[in-house]
Every structure is written in C-alpha cells, then in structure tokens.
Amino acid sequence: MCISVLGVQYTLEYRTKAQEPEFEAADCDGYCDTSIKLCVARKYTAAERREPGTKKDLDAYMRKCMRHEIVHAFLYESGLSINSVAADGWASNEEMVDWMAIQGPKIYAAWQRAGCL
C-alpha cells in the first residue's frame, strides 16, 4: 500500500521476522527508511501469536507500530527530524514519536466529535 506523506509517496508493508532480518538485528518491531520512502511494521505469524506472554491484540499493536513509522516519515518529510538540533532531538525521539502514534487516534476522534476537522 502507498500513502502520501506531505506529497511524497511512501510504501507501507507488514513483514514477518523471516522476511525482515532487521527486526532481529535491531531488536525492533518496525522501521522507516526515508532514503527509499518505506515504512515497515512487523507482522506476527500464527505460531508467534500463540507464544506465552504475547500481547492478546497483536493486530492493534501492529497498527500502532505502523502509525509510529508513519509519524517518523511525516517528521522527516517536514524537515523537523533533521532540524531538531541533536541526533536524538525531540523530532527523532522514540518516546515523542510513540506518544504521537498512540494518542493520534484519540485526538482525531476528539476533533471529529467536536466537528472541527
């Protein structure tokens, strides 16, 4: 699937650990490669879904991970990730990006309800 990120086309993909060695190497569940305009989030296999300690709603978690990577894309394409001073400045900070990815749907729903979109 492709989306427009501030006018730039990004490809979105869900990949399993077997398809994406980066997940194991970087100990992550997704990444945004701005050089090739690609956002990837981990897709869990049926066997992984049955493992002890696994989140019960992995589909919701996968969507949150993809939102997180899309936020990275927006921050990059807007120039904010490059210009937030330090290498781990606010626009690249994982906590900030996670906050946006988690709170975004709630903020959008509030805006919808308020009729201010």
C-alpha atoms as a PDB file:
ATOM      1  CA  MET A   1       0.000   0.000   0.000  1.00  0.00           C
ATOM      2  CA  CYS A   2       1.148   3.558  -0.664  1.00  0.00           C
ATOM      3  CA  ILE A   3       0.278   6.787   1.153  1.00  0.00           C
ATOM      4  CA  SER A   4       1.136  10.426   0.623  1.00  0.00           C
ATOM      5  CA  VAL A   5       3.353  11.912   3.321  1.00  0.00           C
ATOM      6  CA  LEU A   6       3.323  15.651   2.687  1.00  0.00           C
ATOM      7  CA  GLY A   7       3.204  14.960  -1.045  1.00  0.00           C
ATOM      8  CA  VAL A   8       5.845  12.205  -1.020  1.00  0.00           C
ATOM      9  CA  GLN A   9       4.739   8.639  -1.766  1.00  0.00           C
ATOM     10  CA  TYR A  10       5.676   6.096   0.914  1.00  0.00           C
ATOM     11  CA  THR A  11       5.178   2.364   0.649  1.00  0.00           C
ATOM     12  CA  LEU A  12       3.775   0.647   3.750  1.00  0.00           C
ATOM     13  CA  GLU A  13       4.476  -3.035   4.343  1.00  0.00           C
ATOM     14  CA  TYR A  14       3.912  -5.583   7.080  1.00  0.00           C
ATOM     15  CA  ARG A  15       6.645  -8.235   7.164  1.00  0.00           C
ATOM     16  CA  THR A  16       7.330 -11.290   9.301  1.00  0.00           C
ATOM     17  CA  LYS A  17      10.626 -11.831  11.141  1.00  0.00           C
ATOM     18  CA  ALA A  18      11.561 -14.358   8.462  1.00  0.00           C
ATOM     19  CA  GLN A  19      11.036 -11.736   5.742  1.00  0.00           C
ATOM     20  CA  GLU A  20      12.838  -8.973   7.627  1.00  0.00           C
ATOM     21  CA  PRO A  21      16.125  -9.744   9.413  1.00  0.00           C
ATOM     22  CA  GLU A  22      16.246  -6.093  10.589  1.00  0.00           C
ATOM     23  CA  PHE A  23      13.664  -6.908  13.282  1.00  0.00           C
ATOM     24  CA  GLU A  24      16.038  -9.348  14.967  1.00  0.00           C
ATOM     25  CA  ALA A  25      19.228  -7.366  14.351  1.00  0.00           C
ATOM     26  CA  ALA A  26      17.874  -4.053  15.642  1.00  0.00           C
ATOM     27  CA  ASP A  27      15.516  -5.559  18.243  1.00  0.00           C
ATOM     28  CA  CYS A  28      12.598  -3.587  16.848  1.00  0.00           C
ATOM     29  CA  ASP A  29       9.071  -4.077  15.507  1.00  0.00           C
ATOM     30  CA  GLY A  30       9.320  -1.632  12.641  1.00  0.00           C
ATOM     31  CA  TYR A  31      11.356   0.972  10.836  1.00  0.00           C
ATOM     32  CA  CYS A  32      11.076   3.907   8.466  1.00  0.00           C
ATOM     33  CA  ASP A  33      13.656   4.107   5.679  1.00  0.00           C
ATOM     34  CA  THR A  34      13.375   7.675   4.423  1.00  0.00           C
ATOM     35  CA  SER A  35      16.008   7.055   1.729  1.00  0.00           C
ATOM     36  CA  ILE A  36      13.676   4.711  -0.162  1.00  0.00           C
ATOM     37  CA  LYS A  37      10.371   6.024   1.272  1.00  0.00           C
ATOM     38  CA  LEU A  38       9.388   2.799   3.017  1.00  0.00           C
ATOM     39  CA  CYS A  39       7.665   2.107   6.346  1.00  0.00           C
ATOM     40  CA  VAL A  40       7.738  -1.476   7.605  1.00  0.00           C
ATOM     41  CA  ALA A  41       5.993  -2.939  10.654  1.00  0.00           C
ATOM     42  CA  ARG A  42       6.277  -6.471  11.965  1.00  0.00           C
ATOM     43  CA  LYS A  43       3.593  -8.983  11.054  1.00  0.00           C
ATOM     44  CA  TYR A  44       3.132 -11.816  13.541  1.00  0.00           C
ATOM     45  CA  THR A  45       2.683 -15.404  12.398  1.00  0.00           C
ATOM     46  CA  ALA A  46       0.013 -17.708  13.821  1.00  0.00           C
ATOM     47  CA  ALA A  47       2.714 -19.546  15.815  1.00  0.00           C
ATOM     48  CA  GLU A  48       4.095 -16.292  17.261  1.00  0.00           C
ATOM     49  CA  ARG A  49       0.583 -15.274  18.293  1.00  0.00           C
ATOM     50  CA  ARG A  50       0.355 -18.407  20.469  1.00  0.00           C
ATOM     51  CA  GLU A  51       3.666 -17.881  22.288  1.00  0.00           C
ATOM     52  CA  PRO A  52       3.435 -17.348  26.059  1.00  0.00           C
ATOM     53  CA  GLY A  53       3.487 -13.708  27.091  1.00  0.00           C
ATOM     54  CA  THR A  54       2.393 -12.448  23.679  1.00  0.00           C
ATOM     55  CA  LYS A  55       0.086  -9.442  23.538  1.00  0.00           C
ATOM     56  CA  LYS A  56      -3.536 -10.517  23.188  1.00  0.00           C
ATOM     57  CA  ASP A  57      -4.396  -7.946  20.489  1.00  0.00           C
ATOM     58  CA  LEU A  58      -1.412  -8.080  18.151  1.00  0.00           C
ATOM     59  CA  ASP A  59      -3.427  -6.547  15.321  1.00  0.00           C
ATOM     60  CA  ALA A  60      -3.891  -3.351  17.350  1.00  0.00           C
ATOM     61  CA  TYR A  61      -0.195  -3.418  18.256  1.00  0.00           C
ATOM     62  CA  MET A  62       0.810  -3.837  14.606  1.00  0.00           C
ATOM     63  CA  ARG A  63      -1.338  -0.821  13.641  1.00  0.00           C
ATOM     64  CA  LYS A  64       0.277   1.244  16.423  1.00  0.00           C
ATOM     65  CA  CYS A  65       3.719   0.251  15.142  1.00  0.00           C
ATOM     66  CA  MET A  66       2.783   1.314  11.600  1.00  0.00           C
ATOM     67  CA  ARG A  67       1.422   4.642  12.901  1.00  0.00           C
ATOM     68  CA  HIS A  68       4.753   5.103  14.701  1.00  0.00           C
ATOM     69  CA  GLU A  69       6.728   4.602  11.488  1.00  0.00           C
ATOM     70  CA  ILE A  70       4.380   6.923   9.568  1.00  0.00           C
ATOM     71  CA  VAL A  71       4.978   9.621  12.214  1.00  0.00           C
ATOM     72  CA  HIS A  72       8.724   9.223  11.558  1.00  0.00           C
ATOM     73  CA  ALA A  73       8.033   9.726   7.845  1.00  0.00           C
ATOM     74  CA  PHE A  74       5.993  12.893   8.468  1.00  0.00           C
ATOM     75  CA  LEU A  75       8.641  14.345  10.777  1.00  0.00           C
ATOM     76  CA  TYR A  76      11.334  13.601   8.199  1.00  0.00           C
ATOM     77  CA  GLU A  77       9.435  14.980   5.207  1.00  0.00           C
ATOM     78  CA  SER A  78       8.525  18.156   7.126  1.00  0.00           C
ATOM     79  CA  GLY A  79      12.203  18.745   7.905  1.00  0.00           C
ATOM     80  CA  LEU A  80      11.636  18.544  11.644  1.00  0.00           C
ATOM     81  CA  SER A  81      13.633  15.385  12.279  1.00  0.00           C
ATOM     82  CA  ILE A  82      16.671  16.894  10.583  1.00  0.00           C
ATOM     83  CA  ASN A  83      16.376  20.256  12.289  1.00  0.00           C
ATOM     84  CA  SER A  84      15.601  19.312  15.878  1.00  0.00           C
ATOM     85  CA  VAL A  85      19.213  20.078  16.825  1.00  0.00           C
ATOM     86  CA  ALA A  86      20.718  16.830  18.195  1.00  0.00           C
ATOM     87  CA  ALA A  87      20.858  13.360  16.671  1.00  0.00           C
ATOM     88  CA  ASP A  88      18.192  12.292  19.152  1.00  0.00           C
ATOM     89  CA  GLY A  89      16.390  15.643  19.256  1.00  0.00           C
ATOM     90  CA  TRP A  90      12.668  15.828  20.035  1.00  0.00           C
ATOM     91  CA  ALA A  91      11.561  15.046  16.465  1.00  0.00           C
ATOM     92  CA  SER A  92      13.597  11.822  16.388  1.00  0.00           C
ATOM     93  CA  ASN A  93      12.941  10.855  19.987  1.00  0.00           C
ATOM     94  CA  GLU A  94      11.213   7.461  20.161  1.00  0.00           C
ATOM     95  CA  GLU A  95       9.100   8.472  23.172  1.00  0.00           C
ATOM     96  CA  MET A  96       7.765  11.538  21.333  1.00  0.00           C
ATOM     97  CA  VAL A  97       7.045   9.539  18.188  1.00  0.00           C
ATOM     98  CA  ASP A  98       5.338   6.809  20.240  1.00  0.00           C
ATOM     99  CA  TRP A  99       3.224   9.424  22.023  1.00  0.00           C
ATOM    100  CA  MET A 100       2.019  10.755  18.674  1.00  0.00           C
ATOM    101  CA  ALA A 101       1.331   7.249  17.351  1.00  0.00           C
ATOM    102  CA  ILE A 102      -0.632   6.238  20.449  1.00  0.00           C
ATOM    103  CA  GLN A 103      -2.530   9.482  21.031  1.00  0.00           C
ATOM    104  CA  GLY A 104      -3.185  10.334  17.361  1.00  0.00           C
ATOM    105  CA  PRO A 105      -6.373   8.255  17.002  1.00  0.00           C
ATOM    106  CA  LYS A 106      -7.747   9.682  20.256  1.00  0.00           C
ATOM    107  CA  ILE A 107      -7.007  13.251  19.199  1.00  0.00           C
ATOM    108  CA  TYR A 108      -8.560  12.616  15.783  1.00  0.00           C
ATOM    109  CA  ALA A 109     -11.703  11.159  17.409  1.00  0.00           C
ATOM    110  CA  ALA A 110     -11.990  14.214  19.686  1.00  0.00           C
ATOM    111  CA  TRP A 111     -11.635  16.559  16.714  1.00  0.00           C
ATOM    112  CA  GLN A 112     -14.269  14.565  14.839  1.00  0.00           C
ATOM    113  CA  ARG A 113     -16.684  14.713  17.765  1.00  0.00           C
ATOM    114  CA  ALA A 114     -16.087  18.436  18.167  1.00  0.00           C
ATOM    115  CA  GLY A 115     -16.753  18.981  14.458  1.00  0.00           C
ATOM    116  CA  CYS A 116     -13.531  20.873  13.971  1.00  0.00           C
ATOM    117  CA  LEU A 117     -11.815  18.863  11.242  1.00  0.00           C
END
